[in-house]
Structures are given as C-alpha cells and as structure tokens.
Amino acid sequence: MINNDMVNQLVLKGTTTIGVVCNDGVILASDTRVTMGSYVAHKHGKKIYKIDDHLGMTISGGVADTQRTVDILKVNAQLYKLNIGRPIPVSSAARLIANLLFSSRYAPLIAQVLIGGVDDSGSHVFSLDPFGSLTEEKYVATGSGSPIAYGILEDQFKENMFTRDVLPVVVKAVESAMKRDTASGDSFNVAVIGKTGYQELTEEEKRQLQGN
C-alpha cells in the first residue's frame, strides 16, 4: 500500500512549477529538467501543456502518470465544447482531474498538477495533489524548488497586478529555484493565458525578461 508520505517524497524529488493569477489572465511557468533521483534524464522536458485556448496545466511527478492526466483533460475539454457548445470552465476542468486522482487513491497517480485559465468568471489557478485535494490559489508553486520560488512570490507578488508586471517576478522565482535546487534547472518555459488565448513565450521574450 502506498501511503501519503511515500507519494509526497516521490512528488517533491524534482521540478519547480508556478501558477499565478493576474488581473488580465494567468501565468504558468516551470523549469525543464527531468530527473530520476540524482540522474538527469532530460534537460528540456515539457511540463506546461495547452489544454484549450483558455486553459493550460503544469505537471510534476511521474512522467507516465502526469501525461495521462494531460491526455484525459484534453479529451474531456474537447468533448465538453462539442456537447455544450462553449469552453469548459476552469473549475470544472480542475474538478474532473481531482475526481480522477481521488478515484485512484488506493494506487495513486504520482501527479501534482496546476490547472489555470480564464473563463466567464475570471482568471483561476487550481492546485491538485496526488489524492485529489483541490485548492484555488492566487499564486502557487509545486515541486522540490517550490520553497525557493515562494520566497520570491511572497515578497514581490500582489493581487490585481497585470501579466506584464508579474512576468518578471515569475521568471525570477523559477530562476532562483533553478539556481538553488539541484533537481530543477537547465532552462524554463512560461505560458500566458488571457483574453487573446494561450501563448507560450519565445526564447527571445524569455531572455528579455531575464534582464529585468
């Protein structure tokens, strides 16, 4: 039987992911290092995924388990749009994955995810643990680099800031985690979700933010 402590140890061994709610959208960020214990399995792993034009998610934990949650949410988001005729609300997407994780609690999916997006009710970021616990946050970080990232976020983030003002803070938070947490590193990705849809920052845009 896998217990809560075992799952937490597996989830917290690597990765830094961040989700932030802004006045005009949501920012998701992550490092790109993929580790197995002290072994660096990949330097440019993808940890931020587009689910729909208004919705994205970050992943940390076991690769197979987390990618399964991404695939399930993508399919269900498209089915919802086809059946209902409008995009799935962010809270409904988060609840769907929470139910999936909770239903697997006796053989947990090693997946800690952030789901963020924009819908008719505003901008939202939800944090989910491997047992399906669901919380809505204004800003949140997961993974082994999260204590370092929180230090930056708690110091510099304020509610109702615009994405253009929060982006340098998020980049500084993920970079600080990459410098101080051996399981996070190599490079980082950032996605912004707003009224114009889902957009991942280019390498040039990320370099400009690093200079701020």
C-alpha atoms as a PDB file:
ATOM      1  CA  MET A   1       0.000   0.000   0.000  1.00  0.00           C
ATOM      2  CA  ILE A   2       1.358   3.402  -0.984  1.00  0.00           C
ATOM      3  CA  ASN A   3       0.896   5.935   1.813  1.00  0.00           C
ATOM      4  CA  ASN A   4       0.811   9.734   1.839  1.00  0.00           C
ATOM      5  CA  ASP A   5       4.460  10.124   2.900  1.00  0.00           C
ATOM      6  CA  MET A   6       5.690   7.900   0.065  1.00  0.00           C
ATOM      7  CA  VAL A   7       3.712   9.886  -2.501  1.00  0.00           C
ATOM      8  CA  ASN A   8       4.980  13.209  -1.152  1.00  0.00           C
ATOM      9  CA  GLN A   9       8.583  12.009  -1.355  1.00  0.00           C
ATOM     10  CA  LEU A  10       8.114  10.995  -4.994  1.00  0.00           C
ATOM     11  CA  VAL A  11       6.374  14.238  -5.970  1.00  0.00           C
ATOM     12  CA  LEU A  12       8.848  16.517  -4.209  1.00  0.00           C
ATOM     13  CA  LYS A  13      12.033  14.977  -5.638  1.00  0.00           C
ATOM     14  CA  GLY A  14      12.170  17.290  -8.614  1.00  0.00           C
ATOM     15  CA  THR A  15      10.700  20.139 -10.616  1.00  0.00           C
ATOM     16  CA  THR A  16       9.591  23.686  -9.999  1.00  0.00           C
ATOM     17  CA  THR A  17       6.202  24.727 -11.364  1.00  0.00           C
ATOM     18  CA  ILE A  18       4.406  28.018 -10.731  1.00  0.00           C
ATOM     19  CA  GLY A  19       0.900  29.332 -11.315  1.00  0.00           C
ATOM     20  CA  VAL A  20      -0.164  32.956 -10.770  1.00  0.00           C
ATOM     21  CA  VAL A  21      -3.496  34.748 -11.182  1.00  0.00           C
ATOM     22  CA  CYS A  22      -3.255  38.224 -12.714  1.00  0.00           C
ATOM     23  CA  ASN A  23      -5.800  40.958 -13.313  1.00  0.00           C
ATOM     24  CA  ASP A  24      -5.880  40.148 -17.041  1.00  0.00           C
ATOM     25  CA  GLY A  25      -5.047  36.458 -17.149  1.00  0.00           C
ATOM     26  CA  VAL A  26      -2.964  33.607 -15.759  1.00  0.00           C
ATOM     27  CA  ILE A  27       0.759  32.812 -15.895  1.00  0.00           C
ATOM     28  CA  LEU A  28       2.113  29.243 -15.750  1.00  0.00           C
ATOM     29  CA  ALA A  29       5.861  28.554 -15.529  1.00  0.00           C
ATOM     30  CA  SER A  30       8.215  25.629 -14.991  1.00  0.00           C
ATOM     31  CA  ASP A  31      11.819  24.546 -15.271  1.00  0.00           C
ATOM     32  CA  THR A  32      12.690  21.883 -17.868  1.00  0.00           C
ATOM     33  CA  ARG A  33      14.960  19.436 -16.001  1.00  0.00           C
ATOM     34  CA  VAL A  34      13.655  15.856 -15.757  1.00  0.00           C
ATOM     35  CA  THR A  35      15.282  13.772 -13.027  1.00  0.00           C
ATOM     36  CA  MET A  36      15.248  10.225 -11.686  1.00  0.00           C
ATOM     37  CA  GLY A  37      16.831  10.595  -8.259  1.00  0.00           C
ATOM     38  CA  SER A  38      20.257  12.144  -8.853  1.00  0.00           C
ATOM     39  CA  TYR A  39      20.185  11.215 -12.559  1.00  0.00           C
ATOM     40  CA  VAL A  40      19.234  13.937 -15.048  1.00  0.00           C
ATOM     41  CA  ALA A  41      17.114  12.057 -17.591  1.00  0.00           C
ATOM     42  CA  HIS A  42      16.352  15.050 -19.825  1.00  0.00           C
ATOM     43  CA  LYS A  43      17.352  18.707 -19.890  1.00  0.00           C
ATOM     44  CA  HIS A  44      14.424  20.060 -21.872  1.00  0.00           C
ATOM     45  CA  GLY A  45      11.331  18.250 -20.663  1.00  0.00           C
ATOM     46  CA  LYS A  46       7.914  19.763 -21.313  1.00  0.00           C
ATOM     47  CA  LYS A  47       5.979  20.497 -18.125  1.00  0.00           C
ATOM     48  CA  ILE A  48       3.417  23.066 -19.349  1.00  0.00           C
ATOM     49  CA  TYR A  49       0.626  21.917 -21.650  1.00  0.00           C
ATOM     50  CA  LYS A  50      -2.089  23.719 -23.587  1.00  0.00           C
ATOM     51  CA  ILE A  51      -5.459  22.096 -22.930  1.00  0.00           C
ATOM     52  CA  ASP A  52      -7.582  24.610 -24.861  1.00  0.00           C
ATOM     53  CA  ASP A  53      -7.269  28.222 -25.962  1.00  0.00           C
ATOM     54  CA  HIS A  54      -8.372  29.375 -22.487  1.00  0.00           C
ATOM     55  CA  LEU A  55      -6.844  26.603 -20.388  1.00  0.00           C
ATOM     56  CA  GLY A  56      -3.433  25.124 -19.523  1.00  0.00           C
ATOM     57  CA  MET A  57      -1.792  22.945 -16.903  1.00  0.00           C
ATOM     58  CA  THR A  58       1.609  22.200 -15.394  1.00  0.00           C
ATOM     59  CA  ILE A  59       2.784  18.752 -14.316  1.00  0.00           C
ATOM     60  CA  SER A  60       5.182  17.329 -11.765  1.00  0.00           C
ATOM     61  CA  GLY A  61       5.652  13.770 -10.542  1.00  0.00           C
ATOM     62  CA  GLY A  62       5.847  10.549 -12.545  1.00  0.00           C
ATOM     63  CA  VAL A  63       6.041  11.166 -16.284  1.00  0.00           C
ATOM     64  CA  ALA A  64       3.553   8.469 -17.337  1.00  0.00           C
ATOM     65  CA  ASP A  65       1.015   9.404 -14.661  1.00  0.00           C
ATOM     66  CA  THR A  66       1.183  13.134 -15.323  1.00  0.00           C
ATOM     67  CA  GLN A  67       0.951  12.735 -19.094  1.00  0.00           C
ATOM     68  CA  ARG A  68      -2.115  10.552 -18.598  1.00  0.00           C
ATOM     69  CA  THR A  69      -3.829  13.374 -16.688  1.00  0.00           C
ATOM     70  CA  VAL A  70      -2.969  15.772 -19.528  1.00  0.00           C
ATOM     71  CA  ASP A  71      -4.445  13.448 -22.168  1.00  0.00           C
ATOM     72  CA  ILE A  72      -7.624  12.840 -20.164  1.00  0.00           C
ATOM     73  CA  LEU A  73      -8.201  16.557 -19.587  1.00  0.00           C
ATOM     74  CA  LYS A  74      -7.541  17.439 -23.252  1.00  0.00           C
ATOM     75  CA  VAL A  75     -10.073  14.890 -24.494  1.00  0.00           C
ATOM     76  CA  ASN A  76     -12.733  15.853 -21.972  1.00  0.00           C
ATOM     77  CA  ALA A  77     -12.269  19.570 -22.640  1.00  0.00           C
ATOM     78  CA  GLN A  78     -12.904  18.971 -26.340  1.00  0.00           C
ATOM     79  CA  LEU A  79     -15.895  16.720 -25.639  1.00  0.00           C
ATOM     80  CA  TYR A  80     -17.375  19.372 -23.349  1.00  0.00           C
ATOM     81  CA  LYS A  81     -17.009  22.017 -26.070  1.00  0.00           C
ATOM     82  CA  LEU A  82     -18.640  19.745 -28.661  1.00  0.00           C
ATOM     83  CA  ASN A  83     -21.546  18.730 -26.417  1.00  0.00           C
ATOM     84  CA  ILE A  84     -22.240  22.000 -24.596  1.00  0.00           C
ATOM     85  CA  GLY A  85     -21.132  24.471 -27.257  1.00  0.00           C
ATOM     86  CA  ARG A  86     -18.773  26.502 -25.078  1.00  0.00           C
ATOM     87  CA  PRO A  87     -15.330  26.012 -23.473  1.00  0.00           C
ATOM     88  CA  ILE A  88     -15.148  24.028 -20.254  1.00  0.00           C
ATOM     89  CA  PRO A  89     -14.995  26.272 -17.140  1.00  0.00           C
ATOM     90  CA  VAL A  90     -11.642  26.223 -15.359  1.00  0.00           C
ATOM     91  CA  SER A  91     -13.201  24.987 -12.119  1.00  0.00           C
ATOM     92  CA  SER A  92     -14.906  22.098 -13.958  1.00  0.00           C
ATOM     93  CA  ALA A  93     -11.609  21.074 -15.548  1.00  0.00           C
ATOM     94  CA  ALA A  94      -9.929  21.104 -12.152  1.00  0.00           C
ATOM     95  CA  ARG A  95     -12.749  19.119 -10.552  1.00  0.00           C
ATOM     96  CA  LEU A  96     -12.573  16.499 -13.325  1.00  0.00           C
ATOM     97  CA  ILE A  97      -8.877  15.853 -12.615  1.00  0.00           C
ATOM     98  CA  ALA A  98      -9.496  15.958  -8.854  1.00  0.00           C
ATOM     99  CA  ASN A  99     -12.087  13.184  -9.286  1.00  0.00           C
ATOM    100  CA  LEU A 100      -9.649  11.188 -11.429  1.00  0.00           C
ATOM    101  CA  LEU A 101      -6.908  11.439  -8.803  1.00  0.00           C
ATOM    102  CA  PHE A 102      -9.272  10.683  -5.925  1.00  0.00           C
ATOM    103  CA  SER A 103     -10.675   7.618  -7.673  1.00  0.00           C
ATOM    104  CA  SER A 104      -7.103   6.267  -7.960  1.00  0.00           C
ATOM    105  CA  ARG A 105      -6.216   6.979  -4.308  1.00  0.00           C
ATOM    106  CA  TYR A 106      -5.562   3.327  -3.388  1.00  0.00           C
ATOM    107  CA  ALA A 107      -2.974   3.089  -6.176  1.00  0.00           C
ATOM    108  CA  PRO A 108      -2.232   6.821  -6.561  1.00  0.00           C
ATOM    109  CA  LEU A 109      -1.227   8.513  -9.763  1.00  0.00           C
ATOM    110  CA  ILE A 110       2.066  10.214  -8.884  1.00  0.00           C
ATOM    111  CA  ALA A 111       0.926  13.555 -10.228  1.00  0.00           C
ATOM    112  CA  GLN A 112       0.811  17.020  -8.744  1.00  0.00           C
ATOM    113  CA  VAL A 113      -0.680  19.463 -11.221  1.00  0.00           C
ATOM    114  CA  LEU A 114      -1.655  23.100 -11.552  1.00  0.00           C
ATOM    115  CA  ILE A 115      -4.619  23.957 -13.759  1.00  0.00           C
ATOM    116  CA  GLY A 116      -5.018  27.562 -14.806  1.00  0.00           C
ATOM    117  CA  GLY A 117      -7.109  29.521 -17.237  1.00  0.00           C
ATOM    118  CA  VAL A 118      -9.607  32.252 -17.981  1.00  0.00           C
ATOM    119  CA  ASP A 119     -13.372  31.868 -18.349  1.00  0.00           C
ATOM    120  CA  ASP A 120     -16.543  33.933 -17.919  1.00  0.00           C
ATOM    121  CA  SER A 121     -15.993  34.094 -14.149  1.00  0.00           C
ATOM    122  CA  GLY A 122     -12.428  35.444 -14.420  1.00  0.00           C
ATOM    123  CA  SER A 123      -8.895  34.104 -14.020  1.00  0.00           C
ATOM    124  CA  HIS A 124      -8.277  30.985 -11.925  1.00  0.00           C
ATOM    125  CA  VAL A 125      -5.436  28.714 -10.814  1.00  0.00           C
ATOM    126  CA  PHE A 126      -6.126  25.419  -9.033  1.00  0.00           C
ATOM    127  CA  SER A 127      -3.598  23.180  -7.287  1.00  0.00           C
ATOM    128  CA  LEU A 128      -4.176  19.421  -7.049  1.00  0.00           C
ATOM    129  CA  ASP A 129      -2.242  16.811  -5.098  1.00  0.00           C
ATOM    130  CA  PRO A 130      -1.979  13.079  -5.969  1.00  0.00           C
ATOM    131  CA  PHE A 131      -5.003  12.208  -3.792  1.00  0.00           C
ATOM    132  CA  GLY A 132      -7.339  14.693  -5.480  1.00  0.00           C
ATOM    133  CA  SER A 133      -7.260  17.503  -2.934  1.00  0.00           C
ATOM    134  CA  LEU A 134      -8.220  20.699  -4.751  1.00  0.00           C
ATOM    135  CA  THR A 135      -7.498  24.298  -3.744  1.00  0.00           C
ATOM    136  CA  GLU A 136      -7.850  27.555  -5.639  1.00  0.00           C
ATOM    137  CA  GLU A 137      -4.864  29.873  -5.236  1.00  0.00           C
ATOM    138  CA  LYS A 138      -3.810  33.386  -6.206  1.00  0.00           C
ATOM    139  CA  TYR A 139      -0.245  32.120  -6.578  1.00  0.00           C
ATOM    140  CA  VAL A 140       1.200  28.666  -6.027  1.00  0.00           C
ATOM    141  CA  ALA A 141       4.427  26.700  -6.572  1.00  0.00           C
ATOM    142  CA  THR A 142       4.981  22.940  -6.527  1.00  0.00           C
ATOM    143  CA  GLY A 143       7.938  20.575  -6.567  1.00  0.00           C
ATOM    144  CA  SER A 144      11.266  20.488  -4.770  1.00  0.00           C
ATOM    145  CA  GLY A 145      12.106  24.058  -5.819  1.00  0.00           C
ATOM    146  CA  SER A 146       8.829  25.477  -4.505  1.00  0.00           C
ATOM    147  CA  PRO A 147      10.150  26.788  -1.146  1.00  0.00           C
ATOM    148  CA  ILE A 148      12.633  28.975  -3.017  1.00  0.00           C
ATOM    149  CA  ALA A 149      10.053  30.127  -5.556  1.00  0.00           C
ATOM    150  CA  TYR A 150       7.632  31.032  -2.760  1.00  0.00           C
ATOM    151  CA  GLY A 151      10.261  33.324  -1.255  1.00  0.00           C
ATOM    152  CA  ILE A 152      10.201  35.473  -4.399  1.00  0.00           C
ATOM    153  CA  LEU A 153       6.444  35.267  -4.964  1.00  0.00           C
ATOM    154  CA  GLU A 154       5.520  36.203  -1.397  1.00  0.00           C
ATOM    155  CA  ASP A 155       7.880  39.149  -1.466  1.00  0.00           C
ATOM    156  CA  GLN A 156       7.010  40.637  -4.853  1.00  0.00           C
ATOM    157  CA  PHE A 157       3.569  39.420  -5.964  1.00  0.00           C
ATOM    158  CA  LYS A 158       0.489  41.488  -5.190  1.00  0.00           C
ATOM    159  CA  GLU A 159      -3.117  40.806  -6.154  1.00  0.00           C
ATOM    160  CA  ASN A 160      -4.612  42.544  -9.203  1.00  0.00           C
ATOM    161  CA  MET A 161      -1.252  43.021 -10.921  1.00  0.00           C
ATOM    162  CA  PHE A 162      -1.222  42.767 -14.720  1.00  0.00           C
ATOM    163  CA  THR A 163       0.606  39.965 -16.535  1.00  0.00           C
ATOM    164  CA  ARG A 164       3.232  42.344 -17.923  1.00  0.00           C
ATOM    165  CA  ASP A 165       4.182  43.285 -14.346  1.00  0.00           C
ATOM    166  CA  VAL A 166       4.032  39.754 -12.936  1.00  0.00           C
ATOM    167  CA  LEU A 167       6.075  38.064 -15.677  1.00  0.00           C
ATOM    168  CA  PRO A 168       9.472  39.329 -14.380  1.00  0.00           C
ATOM    169  CA  VAL A 169       8.514  38.155 -10.863  1.00  0.00           C
ATOM    170  CA  VAL A 170       7.589  34.663 -12.085  1.00  0.00           C
ATOM    171  CA  VAL A 171      10.775  34.385 -14.147  1.00  0.00           C
ATOM    172  CA  LYS A 172      12.859  35.479 -11.148  1.00  0.00           C
ATOM    173  CA  ALA A 173      11.093  32.905  -8.955  1.00  0.00           C
ATOM    174  CA  VAL A 174      11.698  29.975 -11.304  1.00  0.00           C
ATOM    175  CA  GLU A 175      15.285  31.053 -11.993  1.00  0.00           C
ATOM    176  CA  SER A 176      16.021  31.317  -8.261  1.00  0.00           C
ATOM    177  CA  ALA A 177      14.697  27.783  -7.771  1.00  0.00           C
ATOM    178  CA  MET A 178      16.813  26.524 -10.675  1.00  0.00           C
ATOM    179  CA  LYS A 179      19.950  28.008  -9.109  1.00  0.00           C
ATOM    180  CA  ARG A 180      19.379  26.591  -5.627  1.00  0.00           C
ATOM    181  CA  ASP A 181      17.549  23.299  -6.170  1.00  0.00           C
ATOM    182  CA  THR A 182      19.604  20.579  -7.839  1.00  0.00           C
ATOM    183  CA  ALA A 183      16.504  18.795  -9.178  1.00  0.00           C
ATOM    184  CA  SER A 184      15.374  21.946 -11.046  1.00  0.00           C
ATOM    185  CA  GLY A 185      17.361  23.583 -13.786  1.00  0.00           C
ATOM    186  CA  ASP A 186      18.668  23.817 -17.355  1.00  0.00           C
ATOM    187  CA  SER A 187      16.015  26.198 -18.732  1.00  0.00           C
ATOM    188  CA  PHE A 188      12.426  27.298 -18.177  1.00  0.00           C
ATOM    189  CA  ASN A 189       9.140  27.752 -20.016  1.00  0.00           C
ATOM    190  CA  VAL A 190       6.397  30.313 -19.449  1.00  0.00           C
ATOM    191  CA  ALA A 191       2.821  30.381 -20.751  1.00  0.00           C
ATOM    192  CA  VAL A 192       0.377  33.278 -20.540  1.00  0.00           C
ATOM    193  CA  ILE A 193      -3.370  32.711 -20.819  1.00  0.00           C
ATOM    194  CA  GLY A 194      -5.516  35.781 -21.369  1.00  0.00           C
ATOM    195  CA  LYS A 195      -8.325  37.218 -23.470  1.00  0.00           C
ATOM    196  CA  THR A 196      -6.300  36.541 -26.644  1.00  0.00           C
ATOM    197  CA  GLY A 197      -5.842  32.880 -25.736  1.00  0.00           C
ATOM    198  CA  TYR A 198      -2.926  30.630 -24.788  1.00  0.00           C
ATOM    199  CA  GLN A 199       0.595  31.794 -25.634  1.00  0.00           C
ATOM    200  CA  GLU A 200       3.996  30.360 -24.743  1.00  0.00           C
ATOM    201  CA  LEU A 201       6.830  32.865 -24.541  1.00  0.00           C
ATOM    202  CA  THR A 202       9.531  32.672 -27.200  1.00  0.00           C
ATOM    203  CA  GLU A 203      13.219  32.313 -26.350  1.00  0.00           C
ATOM    204  CA  GLU A 204      13.735  35.996 -27.148  1.00  0.00           C
ATOM    205  CA  GLU A 205      10.879  37.059 -24.849  1.00  0.00           C
ATOM    206  CA  LYS A 206      12.291  34.937 -22.041  1.00  0.00           C
ATOM    207  CA  ARG A 207      15.761  36.472 -22.492  1.00  0.00           C
ATOM    208  CA  GLN A 208      14.303  39.973 -22.282  1.00  0.00           C
ATOM    209  CA  LEU A 209      12.527  39.102 -19.018  1.00  0.00           C
ATOM    210  CA  GLN A 210      15.727  37.672 -17.557  1.00  0.00           C
ATOM    211  CA  GLY A 211      17.311  41.083 -17.930  1.00  0.00           C
ATOM    212  CA  ASN A 212      14.640  42.782 -15.775  1.00  0.00           C
END
